[in-house]
Amino acid sequence: MFRPGNPEWRKWLQVSAIVILVAGLVGAAMIYKASADYSRRVQAYESGGGEVLPSPDNSKQFLRDLQLYGGTANVLAYQLRTWFADLWRGKSLACMIALITILVSLAIFYAARRLPPRGRPDSRKADHRGEG
């Protein structure tokens, strides 16, 4: 079994970081290529009778009602919630997966680099015998 401080442990962490990076970026690229752009919300929808009606969450009346019942904070909270929900769809989802993959991979690389080499004592655990 691998133990921290063992050079094989460091190598194993570096290899796993590379595997995570490659798998995440390939997955993000596949999602990006296969998805539609959901950054624009639906502006209108068609009712059963063939009549085209505006989407309720894009209408001025809806936003006015939100502000009337909950104030400006309610409108801002609604806009923040819809923006955050849109991050997890389509091309934005692919970008978020790529970003998270890069951050996780960098964290693992950093952890592998910070491991003390085998046979060298950790400088934080210095032996202070003979003092005092």
C-alpha atoms as a PDB file:
ATOM      1  CA  MET A   1       0.000   0.000   0.000  1.00  0.00           C
ATOM      2  CA  PHE A   2       1.155   3.514  -0.714  1.00  0.00           C
ATOM      3  CA  ARG A   3       2.149   5.683   2.226  1.00  0.00           C
ATOM      4  CA  PRO A   4       2.590   9.463   2.264  1.00  0.00           C
ATOM      5  CA  GLY A   5       6.277  10.244   1.941  1.00  0.00           C
ATOM      6  CA  ASN A   6       6.832   7.299  -0.356  1.00  0.00           C
ATOM      7  CA  PRO A   7       7.969   8.447  -3.838  1.00  0.00           C
ATOM      8  CA  GLU A   8       5.455   6.044  -5.375  1.00  0.00           C
ATOM      9  CA  TRP A   9       2.649   7.863  -3.522  1.00  0.00           C
ATOM     10  CA  ARG A  10       3.688  11.147  -5.116  1.00  0.00           C
ATOM     11  CA  LYS A  11       3.847   9.515  -8.540  1.00  0.00           C
ATOM     12  CA  TRP A  12       0.432   7.916  -8.003  1.00  0.00           C
ATOM     13  CA  LEU A  13      -1.084  11.310  -7.107  1.00  0.00           C
ATOM     14  CA  GLN A  14       0.433  12.929 -10.181  1.00  0.00           C
ATOM     15  CA  VAL A  15      -0.857  10.186 -12.472  1.00  0.00           C
ATOM     16  CA  SER A  16      -4.323  10.380 -10.932  1.00  0.00           C
ATOM     17  CA  ALA A  17      -4.336  14.176 -11.421  1.00  0.00           C
ATOM     18  CA  ILE A  18      -3.468  13.709 -15.094  1.00  0.00           C
ATOM     19  CA  VAL A  19      -6.192  11.078 -15.523  1.00  0.00           C
ATOM     20  CA  ILE A  20      -8.762  13.362 -13.855  1.00  0.00           C
ATOM     21  CA  LEU A  21      -7.671  16.287 -16.036  1.00  0.00           C
ATOM     22  CA  VAL A  22      -7.859  14.330 -19.290  1.00  0.00           C
ATOM     23  CA  ALA A  23     -11.171  12.623 -18.457  1.00  0.00           C
ATOM     24  CA  GLY A  24     -12.786  15.870 -17.309  1.00  0.00           C
ATOM     25  CA  LEU A  25     -11.662  17.887 -20.305  1.00  0.00           C
ATOM     26  CA  VAL A  26     -12.701  15.158 -22.758  1.00  0.00           C
ATOM     27  CA  GLY A  27     -16.099  14.937 -21.058  1.00  0.00           C
ATOM     28  CA  ALA A  28     -16.485  18.718 -21.135  1.00  0.00           C
ATOM     29  CA  ALA A  29     -15.571  18.800 -24.830  1.00  0.00           C
ATOM     30  CA  MET A  30     -18.132  16.095 -25.592  1.00  0.00           C
ATOM     31  CA  ILE A  31     -20.848  17.953 -23.678  1.00  0.00           C
ATOM     32  CA  TYR A  32     -19.908  21.224 -25.390  1.00  0.00           C
ATOM     33  CA  LYS A  33     -20.111  19.674 -28.838  1.00  0.00           C
ATOM     34  CA  ALA A  34     -23.377  17.832 -28.204  1.00  0.00           C
ATOM     35  CA  SER A  35     -25.278  20.593 -26.429  1.00  0.00           C
ATOM     36  CA  ALA A  36     -27.281  23.547 -27.544  1.00  0.00           C
ATOM     37  CA  ASP A  37     -26.731  27.040 -26.235  1.00  0.00           C
ATOM     38  CA  TYR A  38     -29.200  27.599 -23.405  1.00  0.00           C
ATOM     39  CA  SER A  39     -27.972  31.099 -22.615  1.00  0.00           C
ATOM     40  CA  ARG A  40     -31.057  32.620 -24.198  1.00  0.00           C
ATOM     41  CA  ARG A  41     -34.333  31.806 -22.559  1.00  0.00           C
ATOM     42  CA  VAL A  42     -37.450  31.021 -24.569  1.00  0.00           C
ATOM     43  CA  GLN A  43     -39.063  34.333 -25.486  1.00  0.00           C
ATOM     44  CA  ALA A  44     -42.501  32.947 -26.326  1.00  0.00           C
ATOM     45  CA  TYR A  45     -44.522  29.770 -26.440  1.00  0.00           C
ATOM     46  CA  GLU A  46     -47.474  28.571 -28.460  1.00  0.00           C
ATOM     47  CA  SER A  47     -50.744  27.764 -26.738  1.00  0.00           C
ATOM     48  CA  GLY A  48     -52.976  24.863 -27.754  1.00  0.00           C
ATOM     49  CA  GLY A  49     -55.085  27.096 -30.027  1.00  0.00           C
ATOM     50  CA  GLY A  50     -52.114  28.225 -32.122  1.00  0.00           C
ATOM     51  CA  GLU A  51     -51.862  31.549 -30.310  1.00  0.00           C
ATOM     52  CA  VAL A  52     -48.322  32.745 -29.505  1.00  0.00           C
ATOM     53  CA  LEU A  53     -48.019  34.040 -25.953  1.00  0.00           C
ATOM     54  CA  PRO A  54     -45.025  35.594 -24.226  1.00  0.00           C
ATOM     55  CA  SER A  55     -43.152  33.428 -21.773  1.00  0.00           C
ATOM     56  CA  PRO A  56     -44.355  34.282 -18.261  1.00  0.00           C
ATOM     57  CA  ASP A  57     -40.887  34.694 -16.759  1.00  0.00           C
ATOM     58  CA  ASN A  58     -39.778  37.132 -19.472  1.00  0.00           C
ATOM     59  CA  SER A  59     -42.735  39.458 -19.342  1.00  0.00           C
ATOM     60  CA  LYS A  60     -42.649  42.894 -17.788  1.00  0.00           C
ATOM     61  CA  GLN A  61     -45.841  42.054 -15.912  1.00  0.00           C
ATOM     62  CA  PHE A  62     -44.180  39.072 -14.214  1.00  0.00           C
ATOM     63  CA  LEU A  63     -41.173  41.134 -13.132  1.00  0.00           C
ATOM     64  CA  ARG A  64     -43.444  43.942 -11.927  1.00  0.00           C
ATOM     65  CA  ASP A  65     -45.478  41.472  -9.872  1.00  0.00           C
ATOM     66  CA  LEU A  66     -42.288  40.058  -8.389  1.00  0.00           C
ATOM     67  CA  GLN A  67     -41.204  43.529  -7.368  1.00  0.00           C
ATOM     68  CA  LEU A  68     -44.656  44.400  -6.070  1.00  0.00           C
ATOM     69  CA  TYR A  69     -44.862  41.376  -3.770  1.00  0.00           C
ATOM     70  CA  GLY A  70     -41.246  41.058  -2.692  1.00  0.00           C
ATOM     71  CA  GLY A  71     -39.462  44.259  -3.589  1.00  0.00           C
ATOM     72  CA  THR A  72     -36.309  44.746  -5.606  1.00  0.00           C
ATOM     73  CA  ALA A  73     -34.519  42.052  -3.584  1.00  0.00           C
ATOM     74  CA  ASN A  74     -37.067  39.531  -4.844  1.00  0.00           C
ATOM     75  CA  VAL A  75     -36.388  40.472  -8.469  1.00  0.00           C
ATOM     76  CA  LEU A  76     -32.619  40.280  -7.920  1.00  0.00           C
ATOM     77  CA  ALA A  77     -32.955  36.902  -6.169  1.00  0.00           C
ATOM     78  CA  TYR A  78     -35.039  35.590  -9.082  1.00  0.00           C
ATOM     79  CA  GLN A  79     -32.488  36.791 -11.627  1.00  0.00           C
ATOM     80  CA  LEU A  80     -29.607  35.293  -9.624  1.00  0.00           C
ATOM     81  CA  ARG A  81     -31.444  31.974  -9.307  1.00  0.00           C
ATOM     82  CA  THR A  82     -32.176  31.762 -13.036  1.00  0.00           C
ATOM     83  CA  TRP A  83     -28.583  32.766 -13.901  1.00  0.00           C
ATOM     84  CA  PHE A  84     -27.215  30.057 -11.593  1.00  0.00           C
ATOM     85  CA  ALA A  85     -29.627  27.466 -13.014  1.00  0.00           C
ATOM     86  CA  ASP A  86     -28.537  28.364 -16.554  1.00  0.00           C
ATOM     87  CA  LEU A  87     -24.897  27.631 -15.637  1.00  0.00           C
ATOM     88  CA  TRP A  88     -25.739  23.926 -15.390  1.00  0.00           C
ATOM     89  CA  ARG A  89     -27.195  23.537 -18.890  1.00  0.00           C
ATOM     90  CA  GLY A  90     -25.716  23.226 -22.338  1.00  0.00           C
ATOM     91  CA  LYS A  91     -22.445  24.893 -23.213  1.00  0.00           C
ATOM     92  CA  SER A  92     -22.238  26.594 -19.830  1.00  0.00           C
ATOM     93  CA  LEU A  93     -22.299  23.156 -18.188  1.00  0.00           C
ATOM     94  CA  ALA A  94     -19.324  22.101 -20.311  1.00  0.00           C
ATOM     95  CA  CYS A  95     -17.393  25.211 -19.261  1.00  0.00           C
ATOM     96  CA  MET A  96     -18.200  24.621 -15.585  1.00  0.00           C
ATOM     97  CA  ILE A  97     -17.068  20.983 -15.801  1.00  0.00           C
ATOM     98  CA  ALA A  98     -13.818  22.064 -17.465  1.00  0.00           C
ATOM     99  CA  LEU A  99     -13.207  24.701 -14.781  1.00  0.00           C
ATOM    100  CA  ILE A 100     -13.943  22.324 -11.893  1.00  0.00           C
ATOM    101  CA  THR A 101     -11.758  19.634 -13.503  1.00  0.00           C
ATOM    102  CA  ILE A 102      -8.828  22.022 -13.823  1.00  0.00           C
ATOM    103  CA  LEU A 103      -9.187  23.204 -10.222  1.00  0.00           C
ATOM    104  CA  VAL A 104      -9.355  19.659  -8.813  1.00  0.00           C
ATOM    105  CA  SER A 105      -6.415  18.526 -10.912  1.00  0.00           C
ATOM    106  CA  LEU A 106      -4.311  21.509  -9.821  1.00  0.00           C
ATOM    107  CA  ALA A 107      -5.174  20.814  -6.178  1.00  0.00           C
ATOM    108  CA  ILE A 108      -4.008  17.207  -6.508  1.00  0.00           C
ATOM    109  CA  PHE A 109      -0.806  18.301  -8.268  1.00  0.00           C
ATOM    110  CA  TYR A 110      -0.189  20.808  -5.480  1.00  0.00           C
ATOM    111  CA  ALA A 111      -0.778  18.169  -2.798  1.00  0.00           C
ATOM    112  CA  ALA A 112       1.624  15.773  -4.537  1.00  0.00           C
ATOM    113  CA  ARG A 113       4.263  18.473  -4.761  1.00  0.00           C
ATOM    114  CA  ARG A 114       3.893  19.371  -1.073  1.00  0.00           C
ATOM    115  CA  LEU A 115       4.536  15.818   0.117  1.00  0.00           C
ATOM    116  CA  PRO A 116       7.924  15.547   1.817  1.00  0.00           C
ATOM    117  CA  PRO A 117      10.382  13.311  -0.025  1.00  0.00           C
ATOM    118  CA  ARG A 118      11.157   9.930   1.522  1.00  0.00           C
ATOM    119  CA  GLY A 119      14.041   9.842   3.954  1.00  0.00           C
ATOM    120  CA  ARG A 120      14.052  13.587   4.589  1.00  0.00           C
ATOM    121  CA  PRO A 121      12.430  14.707   7.842  1.00  0.00           C
ATOM    122  CA  ASP A 122       9.646  17.202   7.676  1.00  0.00           C
ATOM    123  CA  SER A 123      10.958  20.654   8.596  1.00  0.00           C
ATOM    124  CA  ARG A 124       7.854  21.367  10.677  1.00  0.00           C
ATOM    125  CA  LYS A 125       8.654  18.476  12.992  1.00  0.00           C
ATOM    126  CA  ALA A 126      12.206  19.528  13.759  1.00  0.00           C
ATOM    127  CA  ASP A 127      13.816  17.824  16.711  1.00  0.00           C
ATOM    128  CA  HIS A 128      14.782  20.341  19.369  1.00  0.00           C
ATOM    129  CA  ARG A 129      16.738  18.070  21.725  1.00  0.00           C
ATOM    130  CA  GLY A 130      19.549  19.618  23.657  1.00  0.00           C
ATOM    131  CA  GLU A 131      17.884  23.000  23.970  1.00  0.00           C
ATOM    132  CA  GLY A 132      17.100  24.428  27.346  1.00  0.00           C
END
